[in-house]
Amino acid sequence: MTIERTNNEIIFRLPNNINLDDLQDFADYFQYRTIANKSKASQTEVDNLVKEIKKGRWDKTRKQLGL
């Protein structure tokens, strides 16, 4: 693997035998970091949002399972 920095971009050169699913996870992480760096949300706001999402997910799962 080689990493090259140009004026406008950073280029990763990887062998063609790399697992594409792993590479997609890697690309998704970089996309997440790019978006997160632009965020003005506080950690408390993020934590509250995560709690709200998890609660909604559990309610939906519980309903689907008939619990």
Protein backbone atom coordinates (compact mmCIF):
# COMPACT_ATOMS: atom_id res chain seq x y z
CA MET A 1 0.00 0.00 0.00
CA THR A 2 1.23 3.48 -0.81
CA ILE A 3 -0.19 6.85 0.16
CA GLU A 4 0.49 9.91 -1.96
CA ARG A 5 -0.48 13.51 -1.21
CA THR A 6 -1.01 15.93 -4.10
CA ASN A 7 -2.15 19.56 -4.03
CA ASN A 8 -5.83 18.60 -4.09
CA GLU A 9 -6.13 15.03 -2.83
CA ILE A 10 -4.65 12.07 -1.04
CA ILE A 11 -4.29 8.90 -3.10
CA PHE A 12 -4.26 5.41 -1.59
CA ARG A 13 -2.88 2.67 -3.82
CA LEU A 14 -3.88 -0.81 -2.69
CA PRO A 15 -3.27 -4.28 -4.09
CA ASN A 16 -6.18 -5.58 -6.16
CA ASN A 17 -6.63 -8.61 -3.90
CA ILE A 18 -8.05 -6.51 -1.04
CA ASN A 19 -11.54 -7.47 0.13
CA LEU A 20 -13.97 -4.94 -1.36
CA ASP A 21 -16.33 -5.11 1.63
CA ASP A 22 -13.45 -4.14 3.91
CA LEU A 23 -12.49 -1.35 1.55
CA GLN A 24 -16.09 -0.09 1.53
CA ASP A 25 -16.09 -0.05 5.34
CA PHE A 26 -12.88 1.97 5.20
CA ALA A 27 -14.41 4.44 2.71
CA ASP A 28 -17.57 4.72 4.82
CA TYR A 29 -15.46 5.57 7.86
CA PHE A 30 -13.67 8.37 5.98
CA GLN A 31 -17.01 9.71 4.78
CA TYR A 32 -18.31 9.66 8.36
CA ARG A 33 -15.21 11.52 9.59
CA THR A 34 -15.59 14.16 6.86
CA ILE A 35 -19.22 14.77 7.83
CA ALA A 36 -18.49 14.69 11.57
CA ASN A 37 -15.72 17.26 11.21
CA LYS A 38 -18.26 19.73 9.76
CA SER A 39 -20.78 19.11 12.54
CA LYS A 40 -21.51 21.78 15.11
CA ALA A 41 -23.36 19.35 17.39
CA SER A 42 -22.08 18.93 20.93
CA GLN A 43 -21.25 15.49 22.32
CA THR A 44 -24.29 15.78 24.62
CA GLU A 45 -26.57 16.40 21.61
CA VAL A 46 -25.08 13.40 19.82
CA ASP A 47 -25.49 11.20 22.89
CA ASN A 48 -29.14 12.23 23.26
CA LEU A 49 -29.82 11.52 19.58
CA VAL A 50 -28.24 8.07 19.87
CA LYS A 51 -30.41 7.28 22.92
CA GLU A 52 -33.53 8.38 21.03
CA ILE A 53 -32.65 6.27 17.98
CA LYS A 54 -31.87 3.20 20.08
CA LYS A 55 -35.12 3.56 22.00
CA GLY A 56 -37.11 3.73 18.78
CA ARG A 57 -35.29 0.72 17.40
CA TRP A 58 -35.98 -1.36 20.50
CA ASP A 59 -39.68 -0.38 20.47
CA LYS A 60 -39.94 -1.48 16.84
CA THR A 61 -38.10 -4.77 17.47
CA ARG A 62 -40.21 -5.52 20.54
CA LYS A 63 -43.40 -4.92 18.53
CA GLN A 64 -42.17 -7.20 15.69
CA LEU A 65 -41.36 -9.96 18.18
CA GLY A 66 -44.67 -9.56 19.99
CA LEU A 67 -43.01 -8.80 23.33
